[in-house]
């Protein structure tokens, strides 16, 4: 029998992609509140229906959630992120913090009552804060963005929960990720759709990684033996940097980018000389994953 996987936030960008990439290997069910106002989420929803992936339409924060229903799952993956305005001053920290408190109270009860074996939390590289050296998983974190602070709080809560339950908990800190049916304003998605795009910092290096690599990591974690210490952090990253300008030039050389109206806006000063770059030794050593070739994955995507 295939292991049973539940993905919370199955119509989010990461949740949707993981569902599509994992459903052949596992018995995948997604849980989604399906925000009807968001066209992109509706697109993802109908795509998942075509693949005949099991869908539970229910808000995880709802009082209708019955904890006994989670016994059948071998692993739960949390892709609920509330990422609206996550990298701007408009991010509603207090509102999202209240939602997260409810979310983790419910998760704690699920872990305790159902003796869940494995739980995977999708974290973010923003938990580390600004730094010029490669981020190791156990580095001290000093997030600057409110979103990063909130996700770090979640990570610390899960570490505490792992000590009081028998659930193996894994936090995957994702760097600049790309994949199918992302929001149309995202950089790589805009290039693929040949939409006009404004690039504020075209020479700012970033650590891009494909959602395929994240799925490979999760596949390894699901197959991994039960941990003794119950808690692990992994960086999902390419381990190298590339600028938006270099990506554009690479795609033009490969004849994958033509007649694209690009509007490049350069800022006078870029405070952050180096965006976060991940150290992936832990992934390669503990999960025995091969290195990802970013350019190869980019060509596949286009």
Protein backbone atom coordinates (compact mmCIF):
# COMPACT_ATOMS: atom_id res chain seq x y z
CA UNK A 1 0.00 0.00 0.00
CA UNK A 2 1.13 3.54 -0.77
CA UNK A 3 1.85 5.76 2.27
CA UNK A 4 -0.96 8.25 2.89
CA UNK A 5 0.00 11.92 2.69
CA UNK A 6 -2.11 14.94 3.65
CA UNK A 7 -1.14 18.36 2.28
CA UNK A 8 -2.52 21.34 4.18
CA UNK A 9 -2.97 24.34 1.88
CA UNK A 10 -3.18 22.20 -1.26
CA UNK A 11 -4.09 25.09 -3.56
CA UNK A 12 -1.15 27.26 -2.44
CA UNK A 13 1.72 27.46 -4.95
CA UNK A 14 3.94 24.95 -3.09
CA UNK A 15 1.03 22.75 -1.96
CA UNK A 16 -0.31 22.46 -5.51
CA UNK A 17 3.08 21.59 -7.02
CA UNK A 18 3.85 19.00 -4.33
CA UNK A 19 0.45 17.36 -4.89
CA UNK A 20 1.16 16.98 -8.63
CA UNK A 21 4.73 15.75 -8.09
CA UNK A 22 3.96 13.26 -5.28
CA UNK A 23 0.60 11.76 -6.24
CA UNK A 24 2.07 8.91 -8.34
CA UNK A 25 4.23 7.67 -5.45
CA UNK A 26 1.82 8.30 -2.57
CA UNK A 27 -1.87 8.31 -1.73
CA UNK A 28 -2.21 12.12 -1.67
CA UNK A 29 -5.10 14.08 -0.15
CA UNK A 30 -5.19 17.86 -0.04
CA UNK A 31 -7.03 20.10 2.37
CA UNK A 32 -7.95 23.57 1.12
CA UNK A 33 -10.25 26.42 2.10
CA UNK A 34 -10.20 27.44 -1.62
CA UNK A 35 -10.37 31.21 -1.66
CA UNK A 36 -12.79 31.84 -4.56
CA UNK A 37 -11.56 35.41 -4.99
CA UNK A 38 -8.15 34.22 -6.16
CA UNK A 39 -8.22 33.12 -9.81
CA UNK A 40 -4.85 31.40 -9.54
CA UNK A 41 -6.11 29.17 -6.69
CA UNK A 42 -9.19 28.23 -8.72
CA UNK A 43 -6.94 27.28 -11.64
CA UNK A 44 -4.85 25.06 -9.37
CA UNK A 45 -8.01 23.51 -7.88
CA UNK A 46 -9.42 22.46 -11.28
CA UNK A 47 -5.99 21.18 -12.32
CA UNK A 48 -5.91 18.95 -9.20
CA UNK A 49 -9.41 17.68 -9.99
CA UNK A 50 -8.21 16.62 -13.46
CA UNK A 51 -5.50 14.52 -11.79
CA UNK A 52 -8.23 13.01 -9.56
CA UNK A 53 -6.34 13.96 -6.41
CA UNK A 54 -8.51 13.68 -3.30
CA UNK A 55 -9.66 17.10 -2.13
CA UNK A 56 -11.15 18.08 1.22
CA UNK A 57 -12.70 21.55 1.00
CA UNK A 58 -12.44 22.81 4.55
CA UNK A 59 -10.67 25.62 6.39
CA UNK A 60 -8.12 24.00 8.72
CA UNK A 61 -8.83 26.67 11.35
CA UNK A 62 -12.53 25.78 11.32
CA UNK A 63 -14.20 24.24 14.38
CA UNK A 64 -15.49 21.50 12.03
CA UNK A 65 -12.05 19.83 12.02
CA UNK A 66 -12.29 16.42 13.73
CA UNK A 67 -8.97 15.29 15.15
CA UNK A 68 -9.72 11.57 14.86
CA UNK A 69 -9.80 11.92 11.05
CA UNK A 70 -6.01 12.32 10.91
CA UNK A 71 -5.15 8.80 12.15
CA UNK A 72 -4.98 7.36 8.66
CA UNK A 73 -2.16 9.64 7.43
CA UNK A 74 1.51 8.64 7.53
CA UNK A 75 2.72 12.20 6.97
CA UNK A 76 1.22 15.70 6.99
CA UNK A 77 2.84 18.51 4.99
CA UNK A 78 1.94 22.07 6.02
CA UNK A 79 1.95 24.50 3.08
CA UNK A 80 -0.36 27.04 4.72
CA UNK A 81 1.61 30.25 4.70
CA UNK A 82 -0.60 33.36 4.43
CA UNK A 83 2.00 35.00 2.21
CA UNK A 84 0.05 38.04 1.00
CA UNK A 85 2.39 41.08 1.06
CA UNK A 86 4.96 38.89 2.87
CA UNK A 87 7.93 41.00 1.72
CA UNK A 88 6.41 44.46 2.22
CA UNK A 89 5.44 46.79 5.05
CA UNK A 90 1.76 45.99 4.40
CA UNK A 91 2.19 42.49 5.84
CA UNK A 92 -0.37 42.11 8.65
CA UNK A 93 1.85 40.49 11.30
CA UNK A 94 -0.68 40.53 14.19
CA UNK A 95 -3.52 39.07 12.14
CA UNK A 96 -1.37 36.24 10.78
CA UNK A 97 0.18 35.55 14.21
CA UNK A 98 -3.33 34.91 15.64
CA UNK A 99 -4.04 32.51 12.79
CA UNK A 100 -0.75 30.72 13.41
CA UNK A 101 -1.52 30.31 17.13
CA UNK A 102 -4.81 28.58 16.24
CA UNK A 103 -3.06 26.49 13.60
CA UNK A 104 -0.40 25.18 15.98
CA UNK A 105 -2.87 24.45 18.78
CA UNK A 106 -4.75 22.24 16.34
CA UNK A 107 -1.56 20.59 15.09
CA UNK A 108 -0.44 19.83 18.65
CA UNK A 109 -3.74 18.03 19.34
CA UNK A 110 -3.44 16.11 16.06
CA UNK A 111 0.09 14.95 16.96
CA UNK A 112 -0.96 13.85 20.45
CA UNK A 113 -4.26 12.16 19.63
CA UNK A 114 -3.27 10.46 16.40
CA UNK A 115 0.35 9.47 17.08
CA UNK A 116 1.34 10.96 13.73
CA UNK A 117 4.69 9.62 12.51
CA UNK A 118 5.92 12.53 10.38
CA UNK A 119 5.13 16.22 9.91
CA UNK A 120 6.80 18.56 7.41
CA UNK A 121 6.62 22.35 7.78
CA UNK A 122 7.45 24.55 4.79
CA UNK A 123 9.60 27.35 6.23
CA UNK A 124 11.50 30.17 4.54
CA UNK A 125 15.06 31.43 4.08
CA UNK A 126 13.83 34.77 5.51
CA UNK A 127 14.13 33.13 8.94
CA UNK A 128 17.91 33.65 8.74
CA UNK A 129 17.85 37.40 8.11
CA UNK A 130 20.47 39.30 6.08
CA UNK A 131 23.88 37.67 5.83
CA UNK A 132 26.79 37.42 3.44
CA UNK A 133 27.87 33.86 4.23
CA UNK A 134 26.04 30.68 3.35
CA UNK A 135 23.23 29.89 5.81
CA UNK A 136 23.65 26.64 7.70
CA UNK A 137 20.55 25.03 9.19
CA UNK A 138 21.63 25.51 12.78
CA UNK A 139 22.93 29.08 12.38
CA UNK A 140 21.52 31.67 14.76
CA UNK A 141 18.60 33.38 13.04
CA UNK A 142 18.06 37.12 13.03
CA UNK A 143 15.14 37.78 10.65
CA UNK A 144 14.49 41.36 9.54
CA UNK A 145 11.17 40.94 7.68
CA UNK A 146 7.97 40.38 9.74
CA UNK A 147 7.24 37.27 7.65
CA UNK A 148 10.65 35.80 8.53
CA UNK A 149 10.08 36.54 12.24
CA UNK A 150 6.73 34.80 12.17
CA UNK A 151 8.04 31.71 10.37
CA UNK A 152 10.94 31.48 12.83
CA UNK A 153 8.43 31.57 15.71
CA UNK A 154 6.61 28.68 14.05
CA UNK A 155 9.87 26.75 13.74
CA UNK A 156 10.66 27.23 17.46
CA UNK A 157 7.11 26.16 18.42
CA UNK A 158 7.48 22.98 16.38
CA UNK A 159 10.81 22.20 18.04
CA UNK A 160 9.09 22.43 21.44
CA UNK A 161 6.17 20.31 20.24
CA UNK A 162 8.60 17.65 18.96
CA UNK A 163 9.89 17.21 22.54
CA UNK A 164 6.43 16.48 23.95
CA UNK A 165 5.09 14.23 21.17
CA UNK A 166 6.41 11.22 19.27
CA UNK A 167 6.03 12.94 15.90
CA UNK A 168 9.12 13.41 13.75
CA UNK A 169 9.04 17.08 12.69
CA UNK A 170 11.00 18.48 9.74
CA UNK A 171 11.24 22.18 8.83
CA UNK A 172 12.31 22.87 5.25
CA UNK A 173 13.56 26.43 4.75
CA UNK A 174 12.88 27.25 1.11
CA UNK A 175 14.91 29.83 -0.82
CA UNK A 176 13.77 31.57 -4.08
CA UNK A 177 11.55 28.80 -5.46
CA UNK A 178 9.92 28.53 -8.88
CA UNK A 179 7.44 26.10 -10.42
CA UNK A 180 4.11 25.72 -12.22
CA UNK A 181 1.14 28.05 -11.75
CA UNK A 182 2.97 30.52 -9.56
CA UNK A 183 1.54 34.02 -9.13
CA UNK A 184 1.79 35.86 -12.49
CA UNK A 185 3.81 38.75 -11.02
CA UNK A 186 6.65 36.47 -9.85
CA UNK A 187 9.92 36.96 -11.77
CA UNK A 188 10.41 33.56 -13.48
CA UNK A 189 6.67 33.09 -14.05
CA UNK A 190 6.50 36.52 -15.77
CA UNK A 191 9.38 35.54 -18.05
CA UNK A 192 7.71 32.27 -18.97
CA UNK A 193 4.37 33.93 -19.74
CA UNK A 194 6.21 36.68 -21.66
CA UNK A 195 4.52 39.35 -19.57
CA UNK A 196 5.94 42.86 -19.24
CA UNK A 197 8.02 42.92 -16.08
CA UNK A 198 9.71 45.48 -13.85
CA UNK A 199 12.96 44.26 -12.32
CA UNK A 200 13.93 46.52 -9.44
CA UNK A 201 17.31 44.93 -8.70
CA UNK A 202 18.45 43.14 -11.88
CA UNK A 203 21.98 42.59 -10.55
CA UNK A 204 21.02 41.36 -7.09
CA UNK A 205 22.19 37.71 -6.77
CA UNK A 206 19.61 35.18 -5.55
CA UNK A 207 19.54 31.50 -4.65
CA UNK A 208 16.91 30.03 -7.00
CA UNK A 209 15.67 26.45 -6.64
CA UNK A 210 12.96 24.48 -8.46
CA UNK A 211 9.90 23.04 -6.74
CA UNK A 212 10.97 19.67 -8.25
CA UNK A 213 13.97 19.69 -5.92
CA UNK A 214 11.70 20.36 -2.95
CA UNK A 215 9.55 17.37 -3.96
CA UNK A 216 12.67 15.16 -4.13
CA UNK A 217 13.64 16.30 -0.62
CA UNK A 218 10.18 15.52 0.74
CA UNK A 219 10.21 12.12 -0.96
CA UNK A 220 13.51 11.33 0.83
CA UNK A 221 12.12 12.55 4.19
CA UNK A 222 8.99 10.39 3.88
CA UNK A 223 11.18 7.34 3.22
CA UNK A 224 13.67 8.27 5.94
CA UNK A 225 13.84 6.22 9.14
CA UNK A 226 12.25 7.63 12.27
CA UNK A 227 14.51 10.13 14.07
CA UNK A 228 15.68 9.72 17.64
CA UNK A 229 15.72 13.44 18.39
CA UNK A 230 12.38 14.06 16.58
CA UNK A 231 13.39 17.37 14.95
CA UNK A 232 15.39 18.38 11.85
CA UNK A 233 15.86 21.53 9.73
CA UNK A 234 16.85 21.37 6.04
CA UNK A 235 17.64 24.13 3.56
CA UNK A 236 15.98 23.75 0.16
CA UNK A 237 18.41 25.71 -1.99
CA UNK A 238 20.65 25.49 -5.04
CA UNK A 239 23.70 26.51 -2.98
CA UNK A 240 24.77 29.04 -5.62
CA UNK A 241 23.76 32.52 -6.74
CA UNK A 242 22.52 33.97 -10.02
CA UNK A 243 21.17 37.43 -10.90
CA UNK A 244 17.91 38.14 -12.81
CA UNK A 245 20.04 39.68 -15.61
CA UNK A 246 22.05 36.47 -16.00
CA UNK A 247 18.85 34.39 -16.09
CA UNK A 248 17.43 36.60 -18.85
CA UNK A 249 20.66 36.41 -20.91
CA UNK A 250 20.82 32.62 -20.44
CA UNK A 251 17.21 32.18 -21.65
CA UNK A 252 17.81 34.44 -24.66
CA UNK A 253 20.89 32.36 -25.66
CA UNK A 254 18.79 29.20 -25.40
CA UNK A 255 16.11 30.80 -27.61
CA UNK A 256 13.59 30.40 -24.81
CA UNK A 257 12.99 34.11 -24.36
CA UNK A 258 11.99 36.19 -27.39
CA UNK A 259 10.23 39.51 -27.89
CA UNK A 260 9.73 39.89 -24.17
CA UNK A 261 9.08 43.47 -23.11
CA UNK A 262 11.35 43.94 -20.14
CA UNK A 263 11.31 47.13 -18.11
CA UNK A 264 14.37 47.28 -15.89
CA UNK A 265 14.30 49.76 -13.03
CA UNK A 266 17.60 50.18 -11.23
CA UNK A 267 17.68 51.57 -7.71
CA UNK A 268 20.42 54.10 -6.91
CA UNK A 269 21.71 52.06 -3.99
CA UNK A 270 21.16 48.43 -3.14
CA UNK A 271 21.56 48.03 0.61
CA UNK A 272 21.65 44.25 0.42
CA UNK A 273 24.69 43.30 -1.65
CA UNK A 274 24.00 39.59 -1.33
CA UNK A 275 20.65 37.93 -0.95
CA UNK A 276 20.45 34.77 1.13
CA UNK A 277 22.41 31.79 -0.11
CA UNK A 278 21.89 28.36 1.42
CA UNK A 279 24.35 25.74 2.54
CA UNK A 280 23.12 22.33 1.41
CA UNK A 281 25.65 19.98 2.99
CA UNK A 282 22.98 18.59 5.30
CA UNK A 283 20.70 17.75 2.37
CA UNK A 284 23.45 16.05 0.39
CA UNK A 285 24.89 14.15 3.37
CA UNK A 286 21.82 13.20 5.41
CA UNK A 287 19.21 12.87 2.65
CA UNK A 288 21.73 11.74 0.00
CA UNK A 289 20.26 14.03 -2.64
CA UNK A 290 22.19 14.87 -5.81
CA UNK A 291 22.94 18.53 -6.47
CA UNK A 292 20.34 20.39 -8.47
CA UNK A 293 21.39 21.94 -11.76
CA UNK A 294 19.40 25.19 -11.69
CA UNK A 295 19.87 25.99 -15.39
CA UNK A 296 18.81 22.50 -16.43
CA UNK A 297 15.65 22.77 -14.29
CA UNK A 298 14.97 26.24 -15.73
CA UNK A 299 15.14 24.91 -19.31
CA UNK A 300 12.75 22.06 -18.37
CA UNK A 301 10.32 24.58 -16.90
CA UNK A 302 10.30 26.69 -20.04
